[in-house]
Protein backbone atom coordinates (compact mmCIF):
# COMPACT_ATOMS: atom_id res chain seq x y z
CA MET A 1 0.09 -0.05 0.00
CA LYS A 2 1.71 3.18 -1.14
CA GLN A 3 1.12 6.29 0.38
CA MET A 4 2.18 10.13 -0.39
CA MET A 5 5.03 11.60 1.34
CA ASN A 6 4.72 14.92 3.28
CA LEU A 7 8.32 15.39 4.67
CA GLU A 8 7.09 17.87 7.28
CA PRO A 9 7.90 16.67 10.66
CA ALA A 10 6.19 16.90 13.72
CA LEU A 11 8.93 15.42 15.55
CA HIS A 12 12.52 16.98 15.34
CA VAL A 13 15.98 15.16 15.57
CA ALA A 14 16.64 17.42 18.62
CA ASP A 15 13.54 15.83 20.28
CA ILE A 16 15.26 12.47 19.94
CA LEU A 17 18.69 13.45 20.85
CA LYS A 18 17.34 14.68 23.95
CA ALA A 19 15.52 11.69 24.56
CA HIS A 20 18.93 9.65 23.94
CA HIS A 21 20.64 11.76 26.47
CA LEU A 22 17.84 11.08 29.23
CA LEU A 23 17.83 7.17 28.51
CA LYS A 24 21.79 6.34 27.91
CA ASP A 25 22.22 5.31 31.33
CA VAL A 26 18.89 3.60 32.01
CA ILE A 27 18.28 1.44 28.83
CA VAL A 28 20.48 -1.33 27.07
CA HIS A 29 22.00 -0.32 23.70
CA THR A 30 20.75 -3.09 22.02
CA PRO A 31 22.75 -4.81 19.24
CA LEU A 32 22.28 -4.49 15.50
CA GLN A 33 23.37 -7.80 14.37
CA LYS A 34 23.76 -9.19 10.81
CA ASP A 35 21.76 -12.42 10.11
CA GLU A 36 23.16 -14.68 7.82
CA ARG A 37 20.55 -17.10 7.84
CA LEU A 38 18.01 -14.42 6.67
CA SER A 39 20.51 -12.79 4.59
CA GLU A 40 21.26 -15.88 2.49
CA LYS A 41 17.28 -16.39 2.28
CA TYR A 42 16.33 -13.08 0.52
CA GLU A 43 20.02 -12.76 -1.22
CA CYS A 44 20.25 -9.41 0.88
CA SER A 45 21.87 -8.10 3.93
CA VAL A 46 19.46 -8.32 6.67
CA TYR A 47 19.93 -6.91 10.24
CA LEU A 48 18.37 -7.52 13.01
CA LYS A 49 17.73 -4.50 15.71
CA ARG A 50 17.56 -6.62 18.96
CA GLU A 51 15.12 -5.00 21.18
CA ASP A 52 13.93 -8.22 22.64
CA LEU A 53 17.02 -7.72 24.53
CA GLN A 54 16.06 -4.46 26.17
CA ILE A 55 15.84 -4.66 30.01
CA VAL A 56 12.28 -5.23 30.09
CA ARG A 57 12.40 -7.18 26.53
CA SER A 58 10.80 -4.76 24.50
CA PHE A 59 11.41 -1.21 23.36
CA LYS A 60 8.47 0.30 25.51
CA LEU A 61 10.73 1.41 27.99
CA ARG A 62 11.90 3.85 25.77
CA GLY A 63 9.22 5.73 25.34
CA ALA A 64 7.27 5.23 29.09
CA TYR A 65 10.98 6.56 30.84
CA ASN A 66 11.27 9.56 28.50
CA LYS A 67 7.67 10.78 29.09
CA ILE A 68 8.00 10.31 32.73
CA LYS A 69 11.39 11.66 33.20
CA GLN A 70 10.31 14.74 31.77
CA LEU A 71 7.20 15.46 34.26
CA SER A 72 7.63 18.23 36.79
CA GLU A 73 7.34 17.68 40.34
CA GLN A 74 3.83 19.07 40.24
CA GLU A 75 2.69 16.27 37.59
CA THR A 76 3.98 13.59 39.80
CA ALA A 77 2.99 14.47 43.12
CA ASN A 78 -0.05 12.24 42.86
CA GLY A 79 1.76 9.74 40.84
CA ILE A 80 1.05 8.37 37.33
CA VAL A 81 -1.17 6.15 35.89
CA CYS A 82 -1.32 3.93 32.70
CA ALA A 83 -3.39 1.31 31.02
CA SER A 84 -1.52 -1.88 29.52
CA ALA A 85 -1.73 -5.62 28.74
CA GLY A 86 1.79 -5.96 28.58
CA ASN A 87 5.04 -4.37 27.59
CA HIS A 88 4.01 -0.75 28.25
CA ALA A 89 3.10 -1.71 31.43
CA GLN A 90 6.46 -3.26 32.23
CA GLY A 91 8.03 0.00 31.13
CA VAL A 92 6.27 2.17 33.16
CA ALA A 93 6.73 -0.14 36.20
CA TYR A 94 10.68 -0.12 36.04
CA SER A 95 10.16 3.76 35.23
CA CYS A 96 8.60 4.22 38.50
CA LYS A 97 11.15 2.14 40.27
CA GLN A 98 13.82 3.95 38.64
CA LEU A 99 12.55 7.49 39.45
CA ASN A 100 10.96 7.02 42.57
CA ILE A 101 7.32 7.47 41.58
CA HIS A 102 4.25 5.79 42.61
CA GLY A 103 2.18 4.38 39.69
CA LYS A 104 -1.15 2.74 39.10
CA ILE A 105 -1.39 0.31 36.43
CA TYR A 106 -4.84 -0.86 34.71
CA MET A 107 -4.73 -4.16 33.10
CA PRO A 108 -7.11 -6.57 31.59
CA SER A 109 -8.62 -9.01 34.12
CA THR A 110 -7.88 -11.51 31.12
CA THR A 111 -4.13 -10.79 31.40
CA PRO A 112 -1.84 -13.94 31.52
CA ARG A 113 -0.45 -14.01 35.35
CA GLN A 114 3.11 -14.53 33.83
CA LYS A 115 2.86 -10.90 32.47
CA VAL A 116 1.46 -9.42 35.63
CA SER A 117 4.36 -11.10 37.66
CA GLN A 118 7.21 -9.24 35.40
CA VAL A 119 4.98 -5.88 35.80
CA GLU A 120 5.02 -6.81 39.87
CA LEU A 121 9.06 -7.45 39.47
CA PHE A 122 9.85 -4.48 37.71
CA GLY A 123 7.78 -1.82 39.80
CA ARG A 124 9.00 -3.61 43.22
CA GLY A 125 6.60 -1.65 45.45
CA HIS A 126 6.38 1.30 43.51
CA ILE A 127 3.25 0.23 41.86
CA GLU A 128 -0.38 -0.89 42.18
CA ILE A 129 -1.62 -3.25 39.55
CA ILE A 130 -5.48 -2.77 39.02
CA LEU A 131 -7.23 -5.82 37.02
CA THR A 132 -10.37 -4.48 35.45
CA GLY A 133 -12.55 -5.33 32.37
CA ASP A 134 -11.98 -7.94 29.64
CA THR A 135 -9.82 -5.71 27.23
CA PHE A 136 -7.40 -3.36 26.97
CA ASP A 137 -10.33 -0.50 26.21
CA ASP A 138 -11.89 -1.47 29.59
CA SER A 139 -8.47 -0.96 31.47
CA TYR A 140 -7.94 2.08 29.49
CA LYS A 141 -11.51 3.77 30.45
CA LYS A 142 -10.71 3.22 34.01
CA ALA A 143 -7.05 4.48 33.99
CA ARG A 144 -8.59 7.63 32.27
CA GLU A 145 -11.08 7.92 35.06
CA CYS A 146 -8.48 7.69 37.62
CA SER A 147 -6.24 10.08 36.20
CA GLU A 148 -9.12 12.71 36.55
CA ALA A 149 -10.41 11.62 39.82
CA GLU A 150 -6.67 11.38 41.72
CA GLY A 151 -5.05 14.14 39.66
CA ARG A 152 -2.44 11.44 38.45
CA SER A 153 -0.64 11.77 35.07
CA PHE A 154 -1.81 9.73 32.45
CA ILE A 155 1.05 7.99 30.36
CA HIS A 156 -0.21 6.86 26.96
CA PRO A 157 1.25 4.15 25.49
CA PHE A 158 1.49 5.63 21.86
CA ASP A 159 -0.38 8.62 21.22
CA ASP A 160 2.32 11.55 22.80
CA LEU A 161 5.30 13.30 21.16
CA ASP A 162 7.75 12.45 24.18
CA VAL A 163 6.96 8.61 24.06
CA ILE A 164 7.27 8.47 20.06
CA ALA A 165 10.69 10.52 20.81
CA GLY A 166 11.74 7.60 23.22
CA GLN A 167 11.01 5.07 20.77
CA GLY A 168 12.89 6.78 17.98
CA THR A 169 16.22 6.55 20.01
CA ILE A 170 16.15 3.08 18.23
CA ALA A 171 17.13 4.84 14.96
CA LEU A 172 19.90 6.88 16.14
CA GLU A 173 21.34 3.33 17.68
CA ILE A 174 20.83 2.05 14.07
CA LEU A 175 22.45 4.77 12.28
CA ASN A 176 25.38 5.10 14.71
CA ASP A 177 25.93 1.04 14.54
CA ALA A 178 25.34 0.62 10.85
CA ASP A 179 28.56 -0.02 8.90
CA ALA A 180 26.67 0.77 5.66
CA GLU A 181 23.67 2.96 4.32
CA MET A 182 20.30 1.23 5.12
CA ASP A 183 18.06 0.93 2.25
CA TYR A 184 15.17 -0.29 4.14
CA VAL A 185 13.62 -0.12 7.92
CA PHE A 186 10.73 -2.75 8.64
CA ALA A 187 8.65 -2.18 11.88
CA SER A 188 5.69 -3.19 13.22
CA ILE A 189 2.52 -0.64 13.56
CA GLY A 190 0.47 -1.10 16.70
CA GLY A 191 -0.54 2.41 17.54
CA GLY A 192 2.08 3.98 15.59
CA GLY A 193 4.72 5.00 18.48
CA LEU A 194 7.43 2.96 17.21
CA ILE A 195 7.46 3.57 13.56
CA SER A 196 6.52 7.39 13.88
CA GLY A 197 9.68 7.89 16.40
CA VAL A 198 12.02 5.73 14.17
CA GLY A 199 10.63 6.80 11.00
CA SER A 200 10.73 10.46 11.94
CA TYR A 201 14.72 10.39 12.82
CA PHE A 202 15.57 8.23 9.72
CA LYS A 203 13.66 10.91 7.18
CA GLN A 204 15.61 13.71 8.77
CA VAL A 205 19.01 12.28 8.89
CA SER A 206 18.82 9.32 5.97
CA PRO A 207 15.81 10.40 3.92
CA GLY A 208 16.96 7.85 1.22
CA THR A 209 16.08 4.95 3.48
CA LYS A 210 12.48 3.74 3.05
CA ILE A 211 10.23 2.96 5.95
CA ILE A 212 8.16 0.25 5.91
CA GLY A 213 5.10 -0.31 8.21
CA VAL A 214 3.92 -3.67 9.06
CA GLU A 215 0.57 -4.56 10.62
CA PRO A 216 -1.16 -7.97 11.41
CA GLU A 217 -3.69 -8.85 8.56
CA GLY A 218 -6.32 -9.22 11.17
CA ALA A 219 -5.93 -5.56 12.77
CA PRO A 220 -5.01 -3.13 10.08
CA SER A 221 -6.04 0.05 11.68
CA TYR A 222 -3.67 2.00 10.05
CA ALA A 223 -3.50 0.79 6.87
CA GLU A 224 -7.39 1.32 6.95
CA SER A 225 -7.17 4.76 8.12
CA ILE A 226 -4.77 5.22 4.92
CA SER A 227 -7.64 4.27 2.87
CA ALA A 228 -10.06 6.57 4.85
CA GLY A 229 -7.85 9.73 4.46
CA LYS A 230 -8.45 9.85 8.54
CA VAL A 231 -7.87 7.90 11.41
CA VAL A 232 -10.78 5.18 11.66
CA GLU A 233 -11.80 2.58 14.70
CA LEU A 234 -12.13 -0.73 13.49
CA ASP A 235 -15.08 -3.15 14.83
CA LYS A 236 -13.48 -5.95 15.54
CA ILE A 237 -9.60 -7.26 15.27
CA ASP A 238 -7.66 -10.53 15.51
CA LYS A 239 -6.12 -9.86 18.92
CA PHE A 240 -3.24 -12.78 18.30
CA VAL A 241 -0.48 -10.27 17.63
CA ASP A 242 -1.25 -8.61 20.91
CA GLY A 243 1.83 -5.94 20.56
CA ALA A 244 0.32 -4.50 17.42
CA ALA A 245 -3.69 -5.36 17.45
CA VAL A 246 -5.38 -1.87 17.96
CA LYS A 247 -8.58 -0.87 16.67
CA ARG A 248 -7.41 2.63 16.76
CA VAL A 249 -4.24 4.41 15.62
CA GLY A 250 -3.24 7.36 17.69
CA ASP A 251 -4.06 10.44 16.42
CA THR A 252 -0.41 11.95 16.62
CA ASN A 253 1.05 8.75 15.27
CA PHE A 254 -1.03 8.72 12.28
CA SER A 255 -0.29 12.49 11.37
CA ILE A 256 3.71 11.65 11.82
CA CYS A 257 3.21 8.03 9.90
CA ARG A 258 1.79 9.81 6.90
CA SER A 259 4.94 11.96 6.48
CA VAL A 260 7.28 9.28 7.24
CA VAL A 261 6.04 5.79 6.07
CA ASP A 262 6.33 4.87 2.37
CA ASP A 263 4.63 1.53 2.44
CA THR A 264 2.26 -0.72 4.31
CA VAL A 265 2.37 -4.49 4.51
CA LEU A 266 -0.04 -6.53 6.04
CA VAL A 267 1.05 -9.78 7.41
CA PRO A 268 -1.00 -13.25 7.89
CA GLU A 269 -1.25 -14.14 11.74
CA GLY A 270 -0.07 -17.81 10.51
CA LYS A 271 2.71 -16.01 8.46
CA VAL A 272 3.56 -14.56 11.98
CA CYS A 273 3.50 -18.07 13.63
CA THR A 274 5.77 -19.50 10.84
CA THR A 275 8.28 -16.71 11.58
CA ILE A 276 8.34 -17.05 15.28
CA LEU A 277 8.89 -20.62 15.15
CA SER A 278 11.59 -20.50 12.80
CA LEU A 279 13.44 -17.81 14.74
CA TYR A 280 13.63 -19.93 17.70
CA ASN A 281 14.64 -23.13 15.88
CA GLU A 282 17.07 -21.60 13.58
CA ASN A 283 18.27 -18.36 15.36
CA ALA A 284 17.63 -19.16 19.14
CA ILE A 285 15.60 -15.94 19.17
CA VAL A 286 12.86 -15.75 21.08
CA ALA A 287 10.25 -13.19 19.48
CA GLU A 288 6.93 -12.12 20.59
CA PRO A 289 4.22 -12.02 17.71
CA ALA A 290 4.72 -8.48 17.46
CA GLY A 291 8.40 -8.77 17.50
CA ALA A 292 8.59 -11.25 14.41
CA LEU A 293 6.14 -9.31 12.29
CA PRO A 294 8.79 -7.02 10.43
CA ILE A 295 10.79 -10.48 9.60
CA ALA A 296 7.74 -11.93 8.45
CA ALA A 297 6.72 -9.34 5.82
CA LEU A 298 10.22 -9.82 3.98
CA ASP A 299 8.43 -12.52 1.85
CA PHE A 300 6.00 -10.10 0.69
CA TYR A 301 9.08 -7.66 -0.12
CA ARG A 302 11.37 -10.31 -1.43
CA ASP A 303 11.79 -8.83 -5.25
CA GLN A 304 12.28 -5.26 -3.97
CA ILE A 305 14.97 -6.04 -1.11
CA LYS A 306 17.28 -8.08 -3.21
CA GLY A 307 20.76 -6.89 -2.98
CA LYS A 308 19.88 -4.33 -0.46
CA ASN A 309 20.71 -3.47 3.25
CA ILE A 310 17.61 -4.23 5.32
CA VAL A 311 17.01 -3.73 8.94
CA CYS A 312 14.22 -5.44 10.80
CA ILE A 313 13.11 -4.21 14.20
CA VAL A 314 12.60 -7.06 16.83
CA SER A 315 10.72 -4.98 18.88
CA GLY A 316 10.11 -7.48 21.92
CA GLY A 317 10.63 -10.72 23.04
CA ASN A 318 7.64 -11.28 25.87
CA ASN A 319 6.32 -14.33 24.41
CA ASP A 320 4.02 -16.84 26.54
CA ILE A 321 5.55 -20.21 26.36
CA GLY A 322 1.81 -21.34 26.77
CA ARG A 323 1.16 -20.14 23.45
CA MET A 324 3.58 -22.23 21.46
CA GLN A 325 1.08 -24.87 20.58
CA GLU A 326 -1.56 -22.41 19.35
CA MET A 327 1.18 -20.69 17.40
CA LYS A 328 2.16 -24.41 15.88
CA GLU A 329 -1.37 -25.02 15.01
CA ARG A 330 -1.79 -21.49 13.27
CA SER A 331 1.62 -22.02 11.27
CA LEU A 332 0.72 -25.26 9.76
CA MET A 333 -2.69 -23.96 8.81
CA TYR A 334 -1.07 -21.31 6.96
CA GLU A 335 1.67 -23.48 5.17
CA GLY A 336 -1.44 -25.88 4.07
CA LEU A 337 -0.02 -28.61 6.45
CA GLN A 338 -2.95 -29.22 8.91
CA HIS A 339 -6.36 -29.90 7.64
CA TYR A 340 -9.55 -30.73 9.84
CA PHE A 341 -12.71 -32.65 8.72
CA ILE A 342 -15.74 -34.09 10.01
CA VAL A 343 -15.94 -37.65 8.35
CA ASN A 344 -19.00 -39.80 8.79
CA PHE A 345 -17.43 -43.35 9.61
CA PRO A 346 -19.69 -46.56 8.48
CA GLN A 347 -20.40 -48.45 12.04
CA ARG A 348 -18.88 -51.60 10.93
CA ALA A 349 -16.14 -53.31 11.67
CA GLY A 350 -12.61 -52.40 10.05
CA ALA A 351 -13.87 -49.26 8.60
CA LEU A 352 -11.30 -47.03 10.68
CA ARG A 353 -8.43 -49.60 9.60
CA GLU A 354 -10.03 -48.84 6.04
CA PHE A 355 -9.36 -45.12 6.28
CA LEU A 356 -6.03 -45.41 7.74
CA ASP A 357 -4.73 -47.72 5.10
CA GLU A 358 -6.46 -46.62 2.07
CA VAL A 359 -7.13 -43.01 2.51
CA LEU A 360 -4.01 -41.37 4.31
CA GLY A 361 -1.38 -41.44 2.52
CA PRO A 362 2.28 -42.77 3.60
CA ASP A 363 3.63 -39.24 5.24
CA ASP A 364 0.21 -38.32 6.66
CA ASP A 365 -0.34 -38.14 10.06
CA ILE A 366 -3.87 -38.02 12.45
CA SER A 367 -3.34 -35.01 14.92
CA ARG A 368 -6.50 -35.20 16.31
CA PHE A 369 -9.66 -37.66 16.31
CA GLU A 370 -12.68 -37.48 18.42
CA TYR A 371 -15.62 -40.15 17.60
CA THR A 372 -18.60 -41.45 19.60
CA LYS A 373 -20.41 -44.48 18.45
CA LYS A 374 -24.19 -43.81 18.04
CA ASN A 375 -26.78 -46.69 18.95
CA ASN A 376 -28.93 -47.90 16.26
CA ARG A 377 -27.14 -45.48 13.72
CA ASP A 378 -25.60 -46.78 10.31
CA SER A 379 -22.74 -43.94 10.63
CA GLY A 380 -21.04 -42.04 13.31
CA PRO A 381 -19.12 -38.83 12.82
CA ALA A 382 -15.67 -38.28 13.75
CA PHE A 383 -13.70 -34.96 14.03
CA VAL A 384 -10.46 -35.88 12.54
CA GLY A 385 -7.31 -33.51 12.23
CA ILE A 386 -4.43 -34.29 9.46
CA GLU A 387 -1.10 -33.10 9.18
CA LEU A 388 0.49 -33.47 5.61
CA LYS A 389 3.97 -33.73 5.25
CA LYS A 390 3.79 -31.52 2.06
CA ARG A 391 1.33 -29.05 1.04
CA GLU A 392 1.09 -30.68 -2.62
CA ASP A 393 -0.53 -33.96 -0.52
CA TYR A 394 -3.57 -32.27 -0.33
CA GLY A 395 -5.15 -33.22 -3.36
CA GLY A 396 -4.25 -36.90 -3.03
CA LEU A 397 -6.26 -36.89 0.33
CA ILE A 398 -9.39 -35.43 -1.08
CA GLU A 399 -9.27 -37.73 -3.98
CA ARG A 400 -9.01 -40.79 -1.96
CA MET A 401 -11.45 -39.96 0.49
CA ASP A 402 -13.90 -38.97 -2.35
CA ARG A 403 -13.08 -42.54 -4.07
CA LYS A 404 -13.57 -44.50 -0.87
CA GLY A 405 -16.74 -42.82 -0.11
CA PHE A 406 -16.37 -41.76 3.29
CA PRO A 407 -18.73 -38.87 3.58
CA TYR A 408 -16.92 -35.67 4.97
CA THR A 409 -17.20 -32.03 5.49
CA GLU A 410 -13.99 -30.06 5.64
CA VAL A 411 -13.80 -27.47 8.51
CA LYS A 412 -12.69 -24.57 7.20
CA LYS A 413 -10.65 -21.76 9.44
CA ASP A 414 -12.94 -19.17 8.41
CA SER A 415 -16.37 -21.41 9.08
CA SER A 416 -18.56 -21.65 12.61
CA LEU A 417 -17.27 -25.11 12.54
CA PHE A 418 -13.67 -24.06 13.01
CA HIS A 419 -14.63 -21.73 15.83
CA LEU A 420 -16.79 -24.15 17.49
CA PHE A 421 -14.28 -27.13 17.79
CA ILE A 422 -10.61 -25.52 16.83
């Protein structure tokens, strides 16, 4: 999705240099690493900016600390407040501890205990966590009410120039560390704080570098806003890429992004899962979905980046190990290797053996099987998951089921049956 450029910056290099000065003794100057595997795969030089190695395992500390550090004594007299389901909360909590400020952090009641524990760890007695509502929007509303009622300064996760300037220090580090001119920078877009900060610095210091924003296909809030020519709020989103899945991009961020983002790529959630697993298995990198998003986008830009110097910002590594099975499932389905069927088996001896011997291919594997025998019925339905070794094996599987006369219904991802069973 191409968009017009307007090079009037709302955020200046001086703002980001100031943020760098405030942050340099607090954050980790994360490495810019050339990835040989990715470079070979895409026939270019791919560098990873490893914000997953930041103190709180994400870039969010930069913006949170830069904002809070610049508040006056009067603005922090009653403490601060924020809303977050993850990384921003950890950045705010760490900042409260470092600056000796009390903070209230509102999080959805559905937030995994692991994430809540991390926020408690970084805050260490300087914060109070309030679990409320089912979504970030619920928590955001309560945090805003708290700000008004208690006179606490609200720390927005992305729609704030000081927060954006803090995130922009990533670009300063990239350009200081790079041994060659960067042709492309790929960064995820959620609310827009990261890419508006990084893009602002690059467009003023290295204007020839193309800034590519990456959004999850199930939450294209920025892409839809660009199409509409104004900020729009999505009715519903796929929350899987939680660090980049927002219904509404920030107003300030949208204004800046229209000036600094050259193109936007939408990446299917299943492709993100494939990338996460590949990074873990091949590179020993634990990336969260939003952190893997820019790398997943390289497949969709393969022709343009050949022979170029590329930076992908791995924005975070706060991945819940409990989600790995879901990630494997989504990856297999995206790659065309996992399929689900409701198969009507005749209720006679040997029917299942016939299915195994004459329908399944030699490399096919049953990954799920649920069957209840019914009395006084000629056939009984079974829910069957089949994992293929190669995508091309799908046609043969369907042909054999048709030929052998096993009635079936395929449970597609977008059907009501899929949501019922999976």
